[in-house]
Amino acid sequence: MVDLNLLTKKVPFTEFNSKRFAAAVVRLRNPKTTCLFFGSGKAVCTGACSVAASFDGASVHTQLLQMSGMDVKMLDFQIQNIVNVTDCGFALDLQKFCKKIEGIVSYEPDLFPGLTYRVKTQSHYWIVFLIFQSGKCVITGAKKQEDAEQVWDQFYRNVVLPYKATYDFGSSGNYRICQRLCMNLQCDAVQSVLMAPNRGNIGKVTAIVDDMVQKIKRRKLGKHTILQHVFAPHNHTQC
């Protein structure tokens, strides 16, 4: 057991507010880590850039408490979560991804711009991919760096490549706005114009999308105006 109130008094730069969070927060500059101490005696050390740095940080935090007169020891050190960041190198069509792959995919663009995809490793635990329209991906939940790299390699080759977007909207915000527009209007022609432009009208589509995004953000664009923008005289497609 650890007396968190006593820890706050003896260890400098400690944050503890029992009404907000049940752990005391201690931060170090070298190694640059943050440790959460709980009253049960358990602690979570985060922020390290490697397994070795994480172990060193946990050791220094323990020594800091010992120097303050607290009878504590570091026991049963384990790596519970390794976070990796990578990039596919191209934009992704998350709506198509979500429709084609079911069961282990979660995509709620109104709540969070990223798509969540879960993969079970050979060690029988789950790794989570947070995939964004820009092609960037956050890999979290790995307990070994080798597992993260292996799963990402398989995921990229077998799952990601078929969902390369035909048009890059520039940001997840613009992408969500245009996708919401397609769903609300329930018009296939809007989808075809926005998501599958050919080389001949790529510049025209870019101008349409940019203009729509700006006006939607300013709340000056209604459904009828949107239809006029999308179905200009050069486009004879009808809903």
C-alpha atoms as a PDB file:
ATOM      1  CA  MET A   1       0.000   0.000   0.000  1.00  0.00           C
ATOM      2  CA  VAL A   2       1.132   3.552  -0.751  1.00  0.00           C
ATOM      3  CA  ASP A   3      -0.021   6.652   1.130  1.00  0.00           C
ATOM      4  CA  LEU A   4      -0.651   9.003  -1.793  1.00  0.00           C
ATOM      5  CA  ASN A   5      -1.129  12.055   0.417  1.00  0.00           C
ATOM      6  CA  LEU A   6       2.250  11.412   2.069  1.00  0.00           C
ATOM      7  CA  LEU A   7       3.808  10.826  -1.369  1.00  0.00           C
ATOM      8  CA  THR A   8       2.495  14.215  -2.534  1.00  0.00           C
ATOM      9  CA  LYS A   9       4.110  15.956   0.438  1.00  0.00           C
ATOM     10  CA  LYS A  10       7.503  14.254   0.169  1.00  0.00           C
ATOM     11  CA  VAL A  11       8.049  13.935  -3.592  1.00  0.00           C
ATOM     12  CA  PRO A  12       8.369  17.215  -5.510  1.00  0.00           C
ATOM     13  CA  PHE A  13       6.437  17.878  -8.721  1.00  0.00           C
ATOM     14  CA  THR A  14       3.712  15.407  -7.747  1.00  0.00           C
ATOM     15  CA  GLU A  15       0.089  15.929  -8.774  1.00  0.00           C
ATOM     16  CA  PHE A  16      -2.724  14.283  -6.842  1.00  0.00           C
ATOM     17  CA  ASN A  17      -6.416  15.120  -6.732  1.00  0.00           C
ATOM     18  CA  SER A  18      -8.461  12.195  -5.425  1.00  0.00           C
ATOM     19  CA  LYS A  19     -11.705  13.749  -6.700  1.00  0.00           C
ATOM     20  CA  ARG A  20     -10.456  13.734 -10.292  1.00  0.00           C
ATOM     21  CA  PHE A  21      -8.199  10.696 -10.517  1.00  0.00           C
ATOM     22  CA  ALA A  22      -7.298   7.870  -8.133  1.00  0.00           C
ATOM     23  CA  ALA A  23      -3.551   8.009  -8.797  1.00  0.00           C
ATOM     24  CA  ALA A  24      -0.706  10.386  -7.991  1.00  0.00           C
ATOM     25  CA  VAL A  25       1.204  11.614 -11.051  1.00  0.00           C
ATOM     26  CA  VAL A  26       4.988  12.015 -10.937  1.00  0.00           C
ATOM     27  CA  ARG A  27       6.942  13.306 -13.949  1.00  0.00           C
ATOM     28  CA  LEU A  28      10.665  13.003 -14.688  1.00  0.00           C
ATOM     29  CA  ARG A  29      12.817  14.807 -17.241  1.00  0.00           C
ATOM     30  CA  ASN A  30      15.523  12.147 -17.535  1.00  0.00           C
ATOM     31  CA  PRO A  31      14.436   9.617 -18.544  1.00  0.00           C
ATOM     32  CA  LYS A  32      11.397  11.518 -19.781  1.00  0.00           C
ATOM     33  CA  THR A  33       8.582   9.466 -18.267  1.00  0.00           C
ATOM     34  CA  THR A  34       5.378   9.869 -16.298  1.00  0.00           C
ATOM     35  CA  CYS A  35       4.458   7.467 -13.523  1.00  0.00           C
ATOM     36  CA  LEU A  36       0.980   6.918 -12.073  1.00  0.00           C
ATOM     37  CA  PHE A  37       1.090   5.634  -8.486  1.00  0.00           C
ATOM     38  CA  PHE A  38      -2.054   3.991  -7.096  1.00  0.00           C
ATOM     39  CA  GLY A  39      -2.913   3.443  -3.453  1.00  0.00           C
ATOM     40  CA  SER A  40      -2.833  -0.333  -3.977  1.00  0.00           C
ATOM     41  CA  GLY A  41       0.909  -0.137  -4.615  1.00  0.00           C
ATOM     42  CA  LYS A  42       0.673  -0.632  -8.372  1.00  0.00           C
ATOM     43  CA  ALA A  43       2.211   1.894 -10.738  1.00  0.00           C
ATOM     44  CA  VAL A  44       2.068   2.589 -14.472  1.00  0.00           C
ATOM     45  CA  CYS A  45       5.082   4.164 -16.192  1.00  0.00           C
ATOM     46  CA  THR A  46       4.357   5.795 -19.565  1.00  0.00           C
ATOM     47  CA  GLY A  47       6.077   8.014 -22.108  1.00  0.00           C
ATOM     48  CA  ALA A  48       9.291   6.062 -22.677  1.00  0.00           C
ATOM     49  CA  CYS A  49      10.566   5.594 -26.232  1.00  0.00           C
ATOM     50  CA  SER A  50      11.903   2.060 -25.682  1.00  0.00           C
ATOM     51  CA  VAL A  51      11.572  -0.915 -23.368  1.00  0.00           C
ATOM     52  CA  ALA A  52      14.956  -0.158 -21.790  1.00  0.00           C
ATOM     53  CA  ALA A  53      13.998   3.479 -21.185  1.00  0.00           C
ATOM     54  CA  SER A  54      10.712   2.340 -19.645  1.00  0.00           C
ATOM     55  CA  PHE A  55      12.546   0.033 -17.220  1.00  0.00           C
ATOM     56  CA  ASP A  56      15.030   2.791 -16.341  1.00  0.00           C
ATOM     57  CA  GLY A  57      12.200   5.239 -15.766  1.00  0.00           C
ATOM     58  CA  ALA A  58      10.359   2.837 -13.468  1.00  0.00           C
ATOM     59  CA  SER A  59      13.601   2.244 -11.529  1.00  0.00           C
ATOM     60  CA  VAL A  60      14.244   5.969 -11.089  1.00  0.00           C
ATOM     61  CA  HIS A  61      10.678   6.576  -9.932  1.00  0.00           C
ATOM     62  CA  THR A  62      11.067   3.807  -7.362  1.00  0.00           C
ATOM     63  CA  GLN A  63      14.389   5.226  -6.158  1.00  0.00           C
ATOM     64  CA  LEU A  64      12.779   8.661  -5.851  1.00  0.00           C
ATOM     65  CA  LEU A  65      10.181   7.261  -3.462  1.00  0.00           C
ATOM     66  CA  GLN A  66      12.834   5.373  -1.524  1.00  0.00           C
ATOM     67  CA  MET A  67      14.905   8.564  -1.114  1.00  0.00           C
ATOM     68  CA  SER A  68      11.806  10.243   0.283  1.00  0.00           C
ATOM     69  CA  GLY A  69      11.667   7.673   3.076  1.00  0.00           C
ATOM     70  CA  MET A  70       8.986   5.401   1.650  1.00  0.00           C
ATOM     71  CA  ASP A  71       9.415   1.628   1.930  1.00  0.00           C
ATOM     72  CA  VAL A  72       8.761   0.550  -1.680  1.00  0.00           C
ATOM     73  CA  LYS A  73      10.343  -1.881  -4.162  1.00  0.00           C
ATOM     74  CA  MET A  74       9.930  -2.432  -7.887  1.00  0.00           C
ATOM     75  CA  LEU A  75       8.489  -5.909  -8.458  1.00  0.00           C
ATOM     76  CA  ASP A  76       7.033  -7.718 -11.472  1.00  0.00           C
ATOM     77  CA  PHE A  77       7.926  -5.180 -14.177  1.00  0.00           C
ATOM     78  CA  GLN A  78       5.957  -5.911 -17.381  1.00  0.00           C
ATOM     79  CA  ILE A  79       5.423  -4.252 -20.766  1.00  0.00           C
ATOM     80  CA  GLN A  80       1.678  -3.917 -21.300  1.00  0.00           C
ATOM     81  CA  ASN A  81       1.362  -1.530 -24.251  1.00  0.00           C
ATOM     82  CA  ILE A  82       3.719  -0.471 -27.056  1.00  0.00           C
ATOM     83  CA  VAL A  83       2.465   2.322 -29.335  1.00  0.00           C
ATOM     84  CA  ASN A  84       3.729   2.627 -32.913  1.00  0.00           C
ATOM     85  CA  VAL A  85       2.952   5.237 -35.575  1.00  0.00           C
ATOM     86  CA  THR A  86       3.254   4.577 -39.305  1.00  0.00           C
ATOM     87  CA  ASP A  87       2.014   5.864 -42.673  1.00  0.00           C
ATOM     88  CA  CYS A  88       0.575   3.940 -45.617  1.00  0.00           C
ATOM     89  CA  GLY A  89       1.886   6.517 -48.081  1.00  0.00           C
ATOM     90  CA  PHE A  90      -1.526   7.173 -49.646  1.00  0.00           C
ATOM     91  CA  ALA A  91      -5.044   8.252 -48.670  1.00  0.00           C
ATOM     92  CA  LEU A  92      -7.645   5.621 -47.724  1.00  0.00           C
ATOM     93  CA  ASP A  93     -11.340   5.221 -48.472  1.00  0.00           C
ATOM     94  CA  LEU A  94     -12.589   4.484 -44.956  1.00  0.00           C
ATOM     95  CA  GLN A  95     -16.253   4.218 -45.962  1.00  0.00           C
ATOM     96  CA  LYS A  96     -15.488   1.462 -48.461  1.00  0.00           C
ATOM     97  CA  PHE A  97     -13.199  -0.206 -45.914  1.00  0.00           C
ATOM     98  CA  CYS A  98     -15.937  -0.199 -43.290  1.00  0.00           C
ATOM     99  CA  LYS A  99     -18.571  -1.617 -45.655  1.00  0.00           C
ATOM    100  CA  LYS A 100     -16.428  -4.446 -47.004  1.00  0.00           C
ATOM    101  CA  ILE A 101     -14.903  -5.654 -43.727  1.00  0.00           C
ATOM    102  CA  GLU A 102     -17.295  -6.374 -40.855  1.00  0.00           C
ATOM    103  CA  GLY A 103     -17.071  -7.695 -37.325  1.00  0.00           C
ATOM    104  CA  ILE A 104     -13.722  -6.294 -36.205  1.00  0.00           C
ATOM    105  CA  VAL A 105     -14.107  -2.765 -37.586  1.00  0.00           C
ATOM    106  CA  SER A 106     -15.563   0.268 -35.846  1.00  0.00           C
ATOM    107  CA  TYR A 107     -16.012   3.593 -37.642  1.00  0.00           C
ATOM    108  CA  GLU A 108     -18.052   6.458 -36.188  1.00  0.00           C
ATOM    109  CA  PRO A 109     -16.829   9.578 -38.046  1.00  0.00           C
ATOM    110  CA  ASP A 110     -19.095  11.895 -36.034  1.00  0.00           C
ATOM    111  CA  LEU A 111     -17.381  10.783 -32.815  1.00  0.00           C
ATOM    112  CA  PHE A 112     -13.806  10.092 -33.938  1.00  0.00           C
ATOM    113  CA  PRO A 113     -12.141  10.619 -37.342  1.00  0.00           C
ATOM    114  CA  GLY A 114     -10.250   7.327 -37.264  1.00  0.00           C
ATOM    115  CA  LEU A 115     -11.356   3.807 -38.112  1.00  0.00           C
ATOM    116  CA  THR A 116     -10.625   1.143 -35.481  1.00  0.00           C
ATOM    117  CA  TYR A 117      -9.515  -2.299 -36.639  1.00  0.00           C
ATOM    118  CA  ARG A 118      -8.618  -5.132 -34.233  1.00  0.00           C
ATOM    119  CA  VAL A 119      -6.277  -8.034 -34.943  1.00  0.00           C
ATOM    120  CA  LYS A 120      -5.540 -11.023 -32.707  1.00  0.00           C
ATOM    121  CA  THR A 121      -1.868 -11.962 -32.515  1.00  0.00           C
ATOM    122  CA  GLN A 122      -0.361 -15.423 -32.285  1.00  0.00           C
ATOM    123  CA  SER A 123       0.245 -14.704 -28.595  1.00  0.00           C
ATOM    124  CA  HIS A 124      -3.556 -14.539 -28.153  1.00  0.00           C
ATOM    125  CA  TYR A 125      -3.978 -10.867 -27.378  1.00  0.00           C
ATOM    126  CA  TRP A 126      -5.425  -8.038 -29.463  1.00  0.00           C
ATOM    127  CA  ILE A 127      -3.598  -5.274 -31.323  1.00  0.00           C
ATOM    128  CA  VAL A 128      -5.634  -2.239 -32.347  1.00  0.00           C
ATOM    129  CA  PHE A 129      -5.078  -0.148 -35.482  1.00  0.00           C
ATOM    130  CA  LEU A 130      -6.378   3.425 -35.579  1.00  0.00           C
ATOM    131  CA  ILE A 131      -6.510   4.255 -39.296  1.00  0.00           C
ATOM    132  CA  PHE A 132      -7.083   7.758 -40.652  1.00  0.00           C
ATOM    133  CA  GLN A 133      -8.188   8.966 -44.083  1.00  0.00           C
ATOM    134  CA  SER A 134      -4.771  10.535 -44.671  1.00  0.00           C
ATOM    135  CA  GLY A 135      -3.165   7.073 -44.537  1.00  0.00           C
ATOM    136  CA  LYS A 136      -1.577   7.523 -41.124  1.00  0.00           C
ATOM    137  CA  CYS A 137      -2.020   4.691 -38.635  1.00  0.00           C
ATOM    138  CA  VAL A 138      -1.508   4.283 -34.894  1.00  0.00           C
ATOM    139  CA  ILE A 139      -0.772   0.741 -33.700  1.00  0.00           C
ATOM    140  CA  THR A 140      -1.497   0.206 -30.024  1.00  0.00           C
ATOM    141  CA  GLY A 141      -1.888  -2.688 -27.612  1.00  0.00           C
ATOM    142  CA  ALA A 142       1.258  -4.613 -28.569  1.00  0.00           C
ATOM    143  CA  LYS A 143       3.288  -6.208 -25.786  1.00  0.00           C
ATOM    144  CA  LYS A 144       6.224  -7.004 -28.079  1.00  0.00           C
ATOM    145  CA  GLN A 145       7.630  -4.852 -30.863  1.00  0.00           C
ATOM    146  CA  GLU A 146       8.013  -7.956 -33.029  1.00  0.00           C
ATOM    147  CA  ASP A 147       4.276  -8.669 -32.777  1.00  0.00           C
ATOM    148  CA  ALA A 148       3.404  -5.120 -33.850  1.00  0.00           C
ATOM    149  CA  GLU A 149       5.713  -5.246 -36.879  1.00  0.00           C
ATOM    150  CA  GLN A 150       4.519  -8.685 -37.961  1.00  0.00           C
ATOM    151  CA  VAL A 151       0.833  -7.847 -37.677  1.00  0.00           C
ATOM    152  CA  TRP A 152       1.295  -4.510 -39.450  1.00  0.00           C
ATOM    153  CA  ASP A 153       3.093  -6.173 -42.373  1.00  0.00           C
ATOM    154  CA  GLN A 154       0.249  -8.648 -42.859  1.00  0.00           C
ATOM    155  CA  PHE A 155      -2.405  -5.984 -42.320  1.00  0.00           C
ATOM    156  CA  TYR A 156      -0.844  -3.621 -44.870  1.00  0.00           C
ATOM    157  CA  ARG A 157      -0.416  -6.229 -47.619  1.00  0.00           C
ATOM    158  CA  ASN A 158      -3.692  -8.128 -47.168  1.00  0.00           C
ATOM    159  CA  VAL A 159      -6.148  -5.516 -45.902  1.00  0.00           C
ATOM    160  CA  VAL A 160      -5.063  -1.913 -46.515  1.00  0.00           C
ATOM    161  CA  LEU A 161      -3.879  -1.946 -50.145  1.00  0.00           C
ATOM    162  CA  PRO A 162      -7.300  -2.645 -51.764  1.00  0.00           C
ATOM    163  CA  TYR A 163      -8.797   0.450 -50.121  1.00  0.00           C
ATOM    164  CA  LYS A 164      -6.539   3.111 -51.564  1.00  0.00           C
ATOM    165  CA  ALA A 165      -8.646   6.231 -52.154  1.00  0.00           C
ATOM    166  CA  THR A 166      -9.073   7.570 -55.668  1.00  0.00           C
ATOM    167  CA  TYR A 167      -9.237  11.124 -54.351  1.00  0.00           C
ATOM    168  CA  ASP A 168      -7.438  12.791 -51.439  1.00  0.00           C
ATOM    169  CA  PHE A 169      -9.600  15.338 -49.623  1.00  0.00           C
ATOM    170  CA  GLY A 170      -6.596  16.754 -47.781  1.00  0.00           C
ATOM    171  CA  SER A 171      -7.821  16.201 -44.222  1.00  0.00           C
ATOM    172  CA  SER A 172     -10.050  13.895 -42.204  1.00  0.00           C
ATOM    173  CA  GLY A 173     -12.388  16.820 -41.527  1.00  0.00           C
ATOM    174  CA  ASN A 174     -13.010  17.483 -45.217  1.00  0.00           C
ATOM    175  CA  TYR A 175     -13.412  13.757 -45.850  1.00  0.00           C
ATOM    176  CA  ARG A 176     -16.059  13.394 -43.126  1.00  0.00           C
ATOM    177  CA  ILE A 177     -17.969  16.430 -44.365  1.00  0.00           C
ATOM    178  CA  CYS A 178     -18.167  15.095 -47.916  1.00  0.00           C
ATOM    179  CA  GLN A 179     -19.045  11.573 -46.771  1.00  0.00           C
ATOM    180  CA  ARG A 180     -21.812  12.925 -44.552  1.00  0.00           C
ATOM    181  CA  LEU A 181     -23.039  14.923 -47.517  1.00  0.00           C
ATOM    182  CA  CYS A 182     -23.265  11.775 -49.652  1.00  0.00           C
ATOM    183  CA  MET A 183     -25.110   9.827 -46.953  1.00  0.00           C
ATOM    184  CA  ASN A 184     -27.575  12.621 -46.170  1.00  0.00           C
ATOM    185  CA  LEU A 185     -28.479  13.250 -49.805  1.00  0.00           C
ATOM    186  CA  GLN A 186     -28.666   9.496 -50.538  1.00  0.00           C
ATOM    187  CA  CYS A 187     -27.559  10.166 -54.067  1.00  0.00           C
ATOM    188  CA  ASP A 188     -25.162   7.851 -55.890  1.00  0.00           C
ATOM    189  CA  ALA A 189     -24.195  10.585 -58.319  1.00  0.00           C
ATOM    190  CA  VAL A 190     -22.757  12.711 -55.506  1.00  0.00           C
ATOM    191  CA  GLN A 191     -20.690   9.755 -54.391  1.00  0.00           C
ATOM    192  CA  SER A 192     -19.392   9.114 -57.901  1.00  0.00           C
ATOM    193  CA  VAL A 193     -18.411  12.749 -58.429  1.00  0.00           C
ATOM    194  CA  LEU A 194     -16.684  13.148 -55.070  1.00  0.00           C
ATOM    195  CA  MET A 195     -15.010   9.776 -54.648  1.00  0.00           C
ATOM    196  CA  ALA A 196     -14.148   8.612 -58.183  1.00  0.00           C
ATOM    197  CA  PRO A 197     -13.048  11.560 -60.310  1.00  0.00           C
ATOM    198  CA  ASN A 198     -11.187  10.810 -63.507  1.00  0.00           C
ATOM    199  CA  ARG A 199      -8.141  12.631 -64.779  1.00  0.00           C
ATOM    200  CA  GLY A 200     -10.211  14.944 -66.932  1.00  0.00           C
ATOM    201  CA  ASN A 201     -12.247  16.507 -64.147  1.00  0.00           C
ATOM    202  CA  ILE A 202      -9.864  16.181 -61.173  1.00  0.00           C
ATOM    203  CA  GLY A 203      -9.256  19.940 -61.055  1.00  0.00           C
ATOM    204  CA  LYS A 204     -12.958  20.691 -61.354  1.00  0.00           C
ATOM    205  CA  VAL A 205     -13.834  18.241 -58.580  1.00  0.00           C
ATOM    206  CA  THR A 206     -11.110  19.741 -56.369  1.00  0.00           C
ATOM    207  CA  ALA A 207     -12.631  23.198 -56.789  1.00  0.00           C
ATOM    208  CA  ILE A 208     -16.133  21.855 -56.071  1.00  0.00           C
ATOM    209  CA  VAL A 209     -15.032  20.043 -52.919  1.00  0.00           C
ATOM    210  CA  ASP A 210     -13.006  22.985 -51.594  1.00  0.00           C
ATOM    211  CA  ASP A 211     -15.890  25.388 -52.169  1.00  0.00           C
ATOM    212  CA  MET A 212     -18.403  23.009 -50.556  1.00  0.00           C
ATOM    213  CA  VAL A 213     -16.224  22.395 -47.511  1.00  0.00           C
ATOM    214  CA  GLN A 214     -15.686  26.098 -46.873  1.00  0.00           C
ATOM    215  CA  LYS A 215     -19.380  26.937 -47.175  1.00  0.00           C
ATOM    216  CA  ILE A 216     -20.479  23.976 -45.075  1.00  0.00           C
ATOM    217  CA  LYS A 217     -18.082  25.065 -42.335  1.00  0.00           C
ATOM    218  CA  ARG A 218     -19.604  28.536 -42.421  1.00  0.00           C
ATOM    219  CA  ARG A 219     -23.116  26.995 -42.378  1.00  0.00           C
ATOM    220  CA  LYS A 220     -24.083  28.863 -45.530  1.00  0.00           C
ATOM    221  CA  LEU A 221     -24.718  25.894 -47.792  1.00  0.00           C
ATOM    222  CA  GLY A 222     -28.048  24.085 -47.877  1.00  0.00           C
ATOM    223  CA  LYS A 223     -29.041  20.901 -49.700  1.00  0.00           C
ATOM    224  CA  HIS A 224     -30.396  22.690 -52.767  1.00  0.00           C
ATOM    225  CA  THR A 225     -27.249  24.786 -53.105  1.00  0.00           C
ATOM    226  CA  ILE A 226     -25.130  21.651 -52.726  1.00  0.00           C
ATOM    227  CA  LEU A 227     -26.967  20.005 -55.620  1.00  0.00           C
ATOM    228  CA  GLN A 228     -26.366  23.079 -57.763  1.00  0.00           C
ATOM    229  CA  HIS A 229     -22.647  22.926 -56.990  1.00  0.00           C
ATOM    230  CA  VAL A 230     -22.301  19.212 -57.650  1.00  0.00           C
ATOM    231  CA  PHE A 231     -24.575  19.019 -60.673  1.00  0.00           C
ATOM    232  CA  ALA A 232     -23.322  22.026 -62.573  1.00  0.00           C
ATOM    233  CA  PRO A 233     -24.174  22.422 -66.295  1.00  0.00           C
ATOM    234  CA  HIS A 234     -21.123  20.307 -67.226  1.00  0.00           C
ATOM    235  CA  ASN A 235     -22.574  17.368 -65.280  1.00  0.00           C
ATOM    236  CA  HIS A 236     -25.846  15.947 -66.630  1.00  0.00           C
ATOM    237  CA  THR A 237     -26.228  13.165 -64.051  1.00  0.00           C
ATOM    238  CA  GLN A 238     -29.582  13.192 -62.284  1.00  0.00           C
ATOM    239  CA  CYS A 239     -30.523  11.928 -58.828  1.00  0.00           C
END
